[in-house]
N, C-alpha and C. Protein backbone atom coordinates (compact mmCIF):
# COMPACT_ATOMS: atom_id res chain seq x y z
N MET A 1 38.07 -4.17 -15.81
CA MET A 1 39.07 -3.90 -16.78
C MET A 1 38.95 -4.99 -17.76
N ARG A 2 38.84 -4.68 -19.17
CA ARG A 2 38.84 -5.54 -20.16
C ARG A 2 40.11 -5.81 -20.74
N HIS A 3 40.61 -7.14 -20.59
CA HIS A 3 41.92 -7.55 -20.94
C HIS A 3 42.16 -7.74 -22.42
N LEU A 4 43.36 -7.35 -22.82
CA LEU A 4 43.93 -7.76 -24.13
C LEU A 4 45.08 -9.05 -23.77
N VAL A 5 44.65 -10.00 -24.56
CA VAL A 5 45.55 -11.31 -24.27
C VAL A 5 46.31 -11.62 -25.59
N PHE A 6 47.75 -11.76 -25.36
CA PHE A 6 48.33 -12.17 -26.41
C PHE A 6 49.07 -13.45 -26.45
N VAL A 7 48.86 -14.44 -27.07
CA VAL A 7 49.40 -15.70 -26.89
C VAL A 7 50.52 -16.11 -27.84
N SER A 8 51.69 -16.43 -27.23
CA SER A 8 52.96 -16.46 -28.14
C SER A 8 53.93 -17.72 -27.57
N THR A 9 54.64 -18.21 -28.55
CA THR A 9 55.63 -19.07 -28.10
C THR A 9 57.00 -18.50 -28.02
N ASP A 10 57.27 -17.25 -28.70
CA ASP A 10 58.38 -16.56 -28.61
C ASP A 10 58.28 -15.10 -28.40
N LEU A 11 59.37 -14.51 -27.95
CA LEU A 11 59.20 -13.07 -27.55
C LEU A 11 60.64 -12.49 -27.69
N PHE A 12 60.84 -11.34 -28.36
CA PHE A 12 62.01 -10.76 -28.39
C PHE A 12 62.15 -9.86 -27.15
N PRO A 13 63.26 -9.85 -26.34
CA PRO A 13 64.67 -10.24 -26.80
C PRO A 13 65.05 -11.61 -26.51
N TRP A 14 64.15 -12.52 -25.92
CA TRP A 14 64.34 -13.82 -25.42
C TRP A 14 64.58 -14.84 -26.61
N SER A 15 63.99 -14.53 -27.67
CA SER A 15 64.10 -15.27 -28.95
C SER A 15 64.09 -14.29 -30.18
N THR A 16 64.54 -14.85 -31.19
CA THR A 16 64.78 -13.92 -32.52
C THR A 16 63.81 -14.10 -33.66
N GLY A 17 62.71 -14.85 -33.47
CA GLY A 17 61.75 -15.13 -34.52
C GLY A 17 61.01 -13.90 -34.80
N ALA A 18 60.31 -13.75 -36.06
CA ALA A 18 59.64 -12.57 -36.59
C ALA A 18 58.29 -12.54 -35.58
N ALA A 19 57.80 -13.65 -35.28
CA ALA A 19 56.39 -13.29 -34.47
C ALA A 19 56.87 -12.70 -33.02
N GLY A 20 57.90 -13.14 -32.51
CA GLY A 20 58.36 -12.63 -31.23
C GLY A 20 58.60 -11.08 -31.31
N ARG A 21 59.34 -10.78 -32.34
CA ARG A 21 59.80 -9.39 -32.63
C ARG A 21 58.67 -8.62 -32.67
N LEU A 22 57.47 -9.13 -33.66
CA LEU A 22 56.39 -8.23 -33.80
C LEU A 22 55.64 -8.14 -32.49
N LEU A 23 55.45 -9.10 -31.72
CA LEU A 23 54.75 -8.92 -30.50
C LEU A 23 55.50 -7.99 -29.57
N SER A 24 56.71 -8.05 -29.40
CA SER A 24 57.55 -7.11 -28.72
C SER A 24 57.42 -5.68 -29.06
N ASN A 25 57.43 -5.43 -30.38
CA ASN A 25 57.09 -4.13 -30.85
C ASN A 25 55.85 -3.55 -30.70
N LEU A 26 54.87 -4.53 -30.69
CA LEU A 26 53.52 -4.06 -30.41
C LEU A 26 53.38 -3.79 -28.97
N LEU A 27 53.98 -4.66 -27.92
CA LEU A 27 53.72 -4.35 -26.64
C LEU A 27 54.44 -2.86 -26.32
N ARG A 28 55.46 -2.57 -26.89
CA ARG A 28 56.15 -1.42 -26.54
C ARG A 28 55.54 -0.21 -27.08
N SER A 29 54.67 -0.39 -28.22
CA SER A 29 54.02 0.72 -28.70
C SER A 29 52.45 1.02 -28.02
N LEU A 30 52.24 0.21 -27.11
CA LEU A 30 50.91 0.29 -26.46
C LEU A 30 51.00 1.55 -25.46
N SER A 31 49.82 2.15 -25.27
CA SER A 31 49.86 3.30 -24.38
C SER A 31 49.94 2.56 -23.00
N GLU A 32 50.27 3.50 -21.82
CA GLU A 32 50.47 2.83 -20.67
C GLU A 32 49.10 2.34 -20.07
N SER A 33 47.97 2.80 -20.43
CA SER A 33 46.63 2.23 -19.90
C SER A 33 46.38 0.82 -20.75
N ASP A 34 46.82 0.70 -22.11
CA ASP A 34 46.55 -0.45 -22.68
C ASP A 34 47.60 -1.59 -22.14
N ARG A 35 48.89 -1.26 -21.82
CA ARG A 35 49.92 -2.04 -21.19
C ARG A 35 49.28 -2.54 -19.68
N ALA A 36 48.62 -1.85 -19.21
CA ALA A 36 48.12 -2.10 -17.84
C ALA A 36 46.88 -3.17 -17.83
N ARG A 37 46.22 -3.39 -19.10
CA ARG A 37 45.32 -4.30 -19.28
C ARG A 37 45.82 -5.46 -20.12
N SER A 38 46.90 -5.54 -20.60
CA SER A 38 47.56 -6.45 -21.33
C SER A 38 48.27 -7.71 -20.63
N VAL A 39 47.93 -8.87 -21.42
CA VAL A 39 48.42 -10.13 -20.66
C VAL A 39 49.17 -10.85 -21.71
N VAL A 40 50.33 -11.38 -21.54
CA VAL A 40 51.07 -12.09 -22.62
C VAL A 40 51.19 -13.44 -22.06
N MET A 41 50.50 -14.58 -22.76
CA MET A 41 50.52 -15.93 -22.27
C MET A 41 51.59 -16.55 -23.12
N MET A 42 52.80 -16.77 -22.44
CA MET A 42 53.95 -17.55 -22.94
C MET A 42 53.87 -19.05 -22.94
N VAL A 43 53.74 -19.69 -24.18
CA VAL A 43 53.47 -21.06 -24.09
C VAL A 43 54.77 -21.79 -24.37
N ASP A 44 55.10 -22.64 -23.44
CA ASP A 44 56.31 -23.53 -23.61
C ASP A 44 57.71 -22.51 -23.72
N THR A 45 57.73 -21.57 -23.18
CA THR A 45 58.92 -20.57 -23.22
C THR A 45 58.97 -20.01 -21.86
N HIS A 46 60.07 -20.21 -21.00
CA HIS A 46 60.25 -19.84 -19.75
C HIS A 46 61.03 -18.53 -19.91
N ILE A 47 60.40 -17.44 -19.34
CA ILE A 47 60.94 -16.12 -19.19
C ILE A 47 60.99 -15.64 -17.80
N GLU A 48 62.15 -15.23 -17.14
CA GLU A 48 62.06 -14.77 -15.75
C GLU A 48 61.19 -13.65 -15.56
N PRO A 49 60.24 -13.56 -14.63
CA PRO A 49 59.23 -12.47 -14.48
C PRO A 49 60.01 -11.18 -14.24
N ALA A 50 61.00 -11.13 -13.64
CA ALA A 50 61.72 -9.91 -13.39
C ALA A 50 62.14 -9.26 -14.78
N SER A 51 62.80 -10.16 -15.49
CA SER A 51 63.32 -9.61 -16.75
C SER A 51 62.23 -9.14 -17.73
N PHE A 52 61.13 -9.94 -17.66
CA PHE A 52 59.97 -9.59 -18.39
C PHE A 52 59.35 -8.21 -17.90
N ASP A 53 59.27 -7.99 -16.80
CA ASP A 53 58.84 -6.82 -16.08
C ASP A 53 59.57 -5.67 -16.46
N ALA A 54 60.81 -5.83 -16.50
CA ALA A 54 61.77 -4.65 -16.92
C ALA A 54 61.63 -4.36 -18.36
N ALA A 55 61.32 -5.26 -19.15
CA ALA A 55 61.33 -5.08 -20.61
C ALA A 55 59.82 -4.53 -20.78
N PHE A 56 58.77 -4.92 -20.33
CA PHE A 56 57.48 -4.60 -20.58
C PHE A 56 56.71 -4.08 -19.30
N PRO A 57 57.00 -3.03 -18.83
CA PRO A 57 56.43 -2.48 -17.46
C PRO A 57 54.87 -2.41 -17.74
N GLY A 58 54.20 -2.96 -16.85
CA GLY A 58 52.82 -2.86 -16.79
C GLY A 58 52.16 -4.00 -17.38
N VAL A 59 52.77 -4.71 -18.16
CA VAL A 59 52.11 -5.82 -18.88
C VAL A 59 52.22 -7.03 -18.00
N ARG A 60 51.31 -7.89 -17.89
CA ARG A 60 51.16 -9.02 -17.14
C ARG A 60 51.58 -10.19 -17.90
N MET A 61 52.33 -11.14 -17.33
CA MET A 61 52.77 -12.39 -18.16
C MET A 61 52.19 -13.58 -17.48
N LEU A 62 51.63 -14.56 -18.12
CA LEU A 62 51.16 -15.98 -17.73
C LEU A 62 52.09 -16.88 -18.51
N GLN A 63 52.67 -17.83 -17.72
CA GLN A 63 53.41 -18.91 -18.33
C GLN A 63 52.69 -20.27 -18.27
N LEU A 64 52.51 -20.80 -19.61
CA LEU A 64 51.97 -22.10 -19.63
C LEU A 64 52.98 -23.21 -20.23
N ASP A 65 53.31 -24.15 -19.39
CA ASP A 65 53.97 -25.29 -19.85
C ASP A 65 53.26 -26.52 -20.26
N THR A 66 53.15 -26.72 -21.47
CA THR A 66 51.99 -27.82 -21.92
C THR A 66 52.62 -29.08 -21.80
N GLU A 67 54.00 -29.14 -21.59
CA GLU A 67 54.52 -30.47 -21.51
C GLU A 67 54.32 -31.10 -20.04
N THR A 68 54.15 -30.14 -19.01
CA THR A 68 53.90 -30.76 -17.69
C THR A 68 52.44 -30.62 -17.43
N ALA A 69 51.50 -29.94 -18.17
CA ALA A 69 50.27 -29.81 -17.88
C ALA A 69 49.41 -31.29 -17.91
N GLU A 70 48.48 -31.23 -16.91
CA GLU A 70 47.72 -32.40 -16.95
C GLU A 70 46.31 -32.16 -17.57
N PRO A 71 45.68 -33.38 -17.88
CA PRO A 71 44.37 -33.14 -18.55
C PRO A 71 43.43 -32.69 -17.32
N ASP A 72 42.38 -32.14 -17.83
CA ASP A 72 41.25 -31.63 -16.81
C ASP A 72 40.37 -32.89 -16.57
N VAL A 73 40.62 -33.54 -15.47
CA VAL A 73 39.87 -34.74 -15.19
C VAL A 73 38.49 -34.68 -14.75
N SER A 74 37.93 -33.33 -14.63
CA SER A 74 36.60 -33.01 -14.29
C SER A 74 35.65 -33.34 -15.64
N THR A 75 36.16 -33.47 -16.71
CA THR A 75 35.22 -33.73 -17.78
C THR A 75 35.73 -34.75 -18.76
N PRO A 76 35.10 -35.61 -19.35
CA PRO A 76 35.45 -36.71 -20.15
C PRO A 76 35.93 -36.08 -21.70
N GLN A 77 35.64 -34.76 -21.90
CA GLN A 77 36.07 -34.17 -23.19
C GLN A 77 37.58 -33.78 -23.09
N SER A 78 38.27 -34.19 -22.07
CA SER A 78 39.61 -33.76 -21.94
C SER A 78 40.64 -34.90 -21.79
N PRO A 79 40.93 -35.54 -22.93
CA PRO A 79 41.87 -36.62 -23.11
C PRO A 79 43.21 -36.19 -22.70
N PRO A 80 44.15 -37.08 -22.28
CA PRO A 80 45.54 -36.88 -22.00
C PRO A 80 46.32 -36.56 -23.47
N ALA A 81 47.39 -36.09 -23.32
CA ALA A 81 48.24 -35.82 -24.62
C ALA A 81 48.47 -36.97 -25.54
N ARG A 82 48.43 -38.14 -25.03
CA ARG A 82 48.93 -39.09 -26.06
C ARG A 82 47.54 -39.55 -26.85
N ALA A 83 46.42 -38.99 -26.57
CA ALA A 83 45.17 -39.26 -27.22
C ALA A 83 45.10 -38.41 -28.52
N TYR A 84 45.85 -37.34 -28.72
CA TYR A 84 45.83 -36.59 -29.89
C TYR A 84 46.70 -37.15 -30.96
N VAL A 85 46.24 -36.81 -32.13
CA VAL A 85 46.71 -37.34 -33.49
C VAL A 85 48.04 -36.53 -33.55
N ASN A 86 47.87 -35.39 -33.69
CA ASN A 86 49.19 -34.51 -33.79
C ASN A 86 49.25 -33.89 -32.28
N ALA A 87 50.12 -34.77 -31.42
CA ALA A 87 50.10 -34.55 -30.16
C ALA A 87 50.62 -33.21 -29.73
N VAL A 88 51.57 -32.82 -30.52
CA VAL A 88 52.16 -31.33 -30.05
C VAL A 88 51.23 -30.31 -30.35
N GLY A 89 50.85 -30.09 -31.57
CA GLY A 89 50.00 -28.99 -32.07
C GLY A 89 48.45 -29.02 -31.37
N GLN A 90 47.78 -30.14 -31.31
CA GLN A 90 46.50 -30.22 -30.88
C GLN A 90 46.59 -30.16 -29.11
N TRP A 91 47.59 -30.84 -28.61
CA TRP A 91 47.70 -30.70 -27.16
C TRP A 91 47.92 -29.38 -26.66
N ARG A 92 48.95 -28.78 -27.29
CA ARG A 92 49.19 -27.36 -27.06
C ARG A 92 47.91 -26.35 -27.27
N SER A 93 47.23 -26.42 -28.09
CA SER A 93 46.10 -25.72 -28.54
C SER A 93 44.97 -25.97 -27.40
N ALA A 94 44.86 -27.34 -27.08
CA ALA A 94 43.80 -27.44 -25.91
C ALA A 94 44.29 -27.01 -24.66
N GLN A 95 45.61 -27.04 -24.34
CA GLN A 95 46.15 -26.49 -23.07
C GLN A 95 45.85 -24.98 -23.02
N ILE A 96 46.11 -24.23 -24.11
CA ILE A 96 45.95 -22.92 -24.31
C ILE A 96 44.51 -22.51 -24.11
N TYR A 97 43.56 -23.17 -24.71
CA TYR A 97 42.23 -23.02 -24.41
C TYR A 97 41.88 -23.18 -22.92
N ARG A 98 42.31 -24.26 -22.27
CA ARG A 98 42.07 -24.46 -20.85
C ARG A 98 42.52 -23.39 -19.89
N ALA A 99 43.68 -22.77 -20.33
CA ALA A 99 44.40 -21.72 -19.56
C ALA A 99 43.56 -20.45 -19.68
N LEU A 100 43.11 -20.18 -20.98
CA LEU A 100 42.19 -19.21 -21.26
C LEU A 100 40.84 -19.13 -20.49
N ALA A 101 40.42 -20.33 -20.34
CA ALA A 101 39.04 -20.45 -19.69
C ALA A 101 39.22 -20.28 -18.15
N VAL A 102 40.42 -20.77 -17.63
CA VAL A 102 40.69 -20.49 -16.19
C VAL A 102 40.84 -18.87 -16.09
N PHE A 103 41.55 -18.22 -16.90
CA PHE A 103 41.71 -16.83 -16.82
C PHE A 103 40.38 -16.06 -16.84
N ALA A 104 39.52 -16.48 -17.88
CA ALA A 104 38.29 -15.85 -18.21
C ALA A 104 37.34 -15.89 -16.86
N ARG A 105 37.58 -16.80 -16.02
CA ARG A 105 36.58 -17.08 -14.80
C ARG A 105 36.74 -15.75 -14.09
N THR A 106 37.99 -15.14 -14.00
CA THR A 106 38.17 -14.02 -13.11
C THR A 106 38.61 -12.67 -13.71
N ALA A 107 38.66 -12.76 -15.19
CA ALA A 107 39.06 -11.64 -15.92
C ALA A 107 38.03 -11.43 -17.09
N ASN A 108 37.66 -10.21 -17.39
CA ASN A 108 37.00 -9.97 -18.61
C ASN A 108 37.93 -9.62 -19.83
N ILE A 109 37.80 -10.63 -20.82
CA ILE A 109 38.69 -10.57 -21.85
C ILE A 109 38.14 -9.90 -23.05
N GLU A 110 38.63 -8.92 -23.50
CA GLU A 110 38.20 -8.29 -24.74
C GLU A 110 38.65 -8.79 -26.20
N TYR A 111 40.00 -9.16 -26.07
CA TYR A 111 40.77 -9.45 -27.19
C TYR A 111 41.57 -10.54 -27.05
N VAL A 112 41.69 -11.51 -27.86
CA VAL A 112 42.90 -12.48 -27.72
C VAL A 112 43.29 -12.64 -29.15
N GLU A 113 44.79 -12.69 -29.07
CA GLU A 113 45.58 -12.71 -30.39
C GLU A 113 46.53 -14.09 -30.32
N PHE A 114 46.40 -14.82 -31.34
CA PHE A 114 47.28 -15.92 -31.47
C PHE A 114 48.18 -15.74 -32.79
N PRO A 115 49.40 -16.36 -32.72
CA PRO A 115 50.13 -16.49 -33.85
C PRO A 115 49.63 -17.54 -34.95
N ALA A 116 49.86 -17.22 -36.21
CA ALA A 116 49.33 -18.03 -37.12
C ALA A 116 49.80 -19.42 -37.02
N ARG A 117 51.18 -19.53 -36.82
CA ARG A 117 51.65 -20.94 -37.00
C ARG A 117 51.31 -21.84 -35.80
N ASP A 118 51.37 -23.08 -36.17
CA ASP A 118 51.16 -24.29 -35.21
C ASP A 118 49.69 -24.51 -34.63
N GLY A 119 48.86 -23.68 -35.37
CA GLY A 119 47.46 -23.89 -35.03
C GLY A 119 47.06 -23.77 -33.60
N LEU A 120 47.71 -22.85 -32.86
CA LEU A 120 47.43 -22.64 -31.24
C LEU A 120 46.05 -22.23 -31.17
N ALA A 121 45.43 -21.66 -32.06
CA ALA A 121 44.01 -20.94 -31.79
C ALA A 121 43.06 -22.11 -32.00
N PHE A 122 43.35 -23.34 -32.68
CA PHE A 122 42.30 -24.17 -32.95
C PHE A 122 41.20 -24.52 -31.99
N CYS A 123 41.68 -24.93 -30.63
CA CYS A 123 40.63 -25.41 -29.75
C CYS A 123 39.87 -24.14 -29.26
N THR A 124 40.63 -22.92 -29.09
CA THR A 124 39.71 -21.77 -28.67
C THR A 124 38.68 -21.47 -29.69
N LEU A 125 39.06 -21.50 -30.92
CA LEU A 125 38.09 -21.22 -32.07
C LEU A 125 37.04 -22.13 -32.02
N GLN A 126 37.29 -23.48 -31.96
CA GLN A 126 36.31 -24.61 -31.82
C GLN A 126 35.45 -24.39 -30.71
N GLU A 127 35.82 -23.96 -29.56
CA GLU A 127 34.96 -23.86 -28.38
C GLU A 127 34.16 -22.70 -28.54
N ARG A 128 34.68 -21.59 -29.19
CA ARG A 128 33.79 -20.46 -29.48
C ARG A 128 32.69 -20.87 -30.32
N ARG A 129 32.86 -21.60 -31.45
CA ARG A 129 31.91 -21.88 -32.32
C ARG A 129 30.92 -22.84 -31.68
N LEU A 130 31.33 -23.80 -30.95
CA LEU A 130 30.53 -24.85 -30.47
C LEU A 130 29.77 -24.36 -29.21
N LYS A 131 30.51 -23.76 -28.52
CA LYS A 131 29.84 -23.39 -26.95
C LYS A 131 29.92 -21.89 -26.81
N GLY A 132 30.21 -21.10 -27.44
CA GLY A 132 30.15 -19.63 -27.31
C GLY A 132 31.22 -19.00 -26.51
N PHE A 133 32.25 -19.82 -26.29
CA PHE A 133 33.35 -19.39 -25.45
C PHE A 133 34.08 -18.00 -25.87
N LEU A 134 34.17 -17.05 -24.93
CA LEU A 134 34.66 -15.78 -25.23
C LEU A 134 33.86 -15.06 -26.28
N ALA A 135 32.29 -15.20 -26.15
CA ALA A 135 31.52 -14.85 -27.15
C ALA A 135 31.57 -13.19 -27.25
N ASP A 136 31.99 -12.53 -26.27
CA ASP A 136 32.03 -11.09 -26.24
C ASP A 136 33.37 -10.50 -26.74
N ALA A 137 34.40 -11.43 -27.01
CA ALA A 137 35.70 -10.87 -27.26
C ALA A 137 35.89 -11.23 -28.65
N LEU A 138 36.97 -10.40 -29.23
CA LEU A 138 37.60 -10.50 -30.51
C LEU A 138 38.71 -11.45 -30.49
N VAL A 139 38.55 -12.59 -31.07
CA VAL A 139 39.59 -13.56 -31.38
C VAL A 139 40.30 -13.46 -32.60
N ALA A 140 41.59 -13.10 -32.65
CA ALA A 140 42.36 -12.97 -33.85
C ALA A 140 43.60 -13.77 -34.02
N VAL A 141 43.78 -14.22 -35.15
CA VAL A 141 44.91 -14.98 -35.60
C VAL A 141 45.82 -14.02 -36.58
N ARG A 142 47.07 -13.73 -35.85
CA ARG A 142 47.98 -12.67 -36.53
C ARG A 142 48.80 -13.21 -37.48
N LEU A 143 48.84 -12.68 -38.61
CA LEU A 143 49.56 -13.14 -39.73
C LEU A 143 50.73 -12.10 -39.86
N GLN A 144 51.98 -12.49 -39.49
CA GLN A 144 53.18 -11.56 -39.42
C GLN A 144 53.78 -11.64 -40.75
N ASP A 145 54.46 -10.58 -40.98
CA ASP A 145 55.20 -10.28 -42.12
C ASP A 145 56.53 -11.27 -42.12
N SER A 146 57.18 -11.35 -43.28
CA SER A 146 58.45 -12.06 -43.22
C SER A 146 59.44 -11.22 -42.34
N HIS A 147 60.59 -12.01 -41.97
CA HIS A 147 61.41 -11.47 -41.11
C HIS A 147 62.33 -10.32 -41.65
N THR A 148 62.49 -10.52 -42.98
CA THR A 148 63.17 -9.38 -43.83
C THR A 148 62.38 -8.16 -43.88
N ALA A 149 61.05 -8.25 -43.92
CA ALA A 149 60.21 -6.95 -44.03
C ALA A 149 60.28 -6.43 -42.59
N LEU A 150 60.19 -7.11 -41.58
CA LEU A 150 60.07 -6.71 -40.20
C LEU A 150 61.35 -6.03 -40.01
N MET A 151 62.46 -6.47 -40.39
CA MET A 151 63.70 -5.91 -40.10
C MET A 151 63.76 -4.54 -40.71
N GLN A 152 63.45 -4.46 -42.01
CA GLN A 152 63.41 -3.19 -42.86
C GLN A 152 62.48 -2.22 -41.98
N ALA A 153 61.35 -2.55 -41.65
CA ALA A 153 60.33 -1.51 -40.92
C ALA A 153 60.84 -1.14 -39.53
N GLU A 154 61.90 -2.03 -38.91
CA GLU A 154 62.23 -1.51 -37.85
C GLU A 154 63.50 -0.55 -37.94
């Protein structure tokens, strides 16, 4: 099965941001077969699994807490959080890349989508260009509409 992965820091109804509403609407509009191959990677946002399953049946959720994540000591290219200039953005991006790399060891990823804000796609895109990470997948950075336009569309 080829997986669709959606990386996000917020998701409606647990948060009210436009990006989270957009992702929620997208997940609800997927066919049953596409929901079965969809994975939402929630970054630094805890959602009860039973609550998520009730809202998005068939969609898998991975939760990533970058504040408690440890660097990958198996490689010297994995510095601790304090080594990053922009500790929050760069560290989070690096942790997302590492989580995707772990997931990709056992899953065939067809599509990965990131929100535009906070540069969460940075390390994944960097590793793709430098080392061919997820070479067969489409990696997208989603530009969402303004909250007002989204509310009007809903």
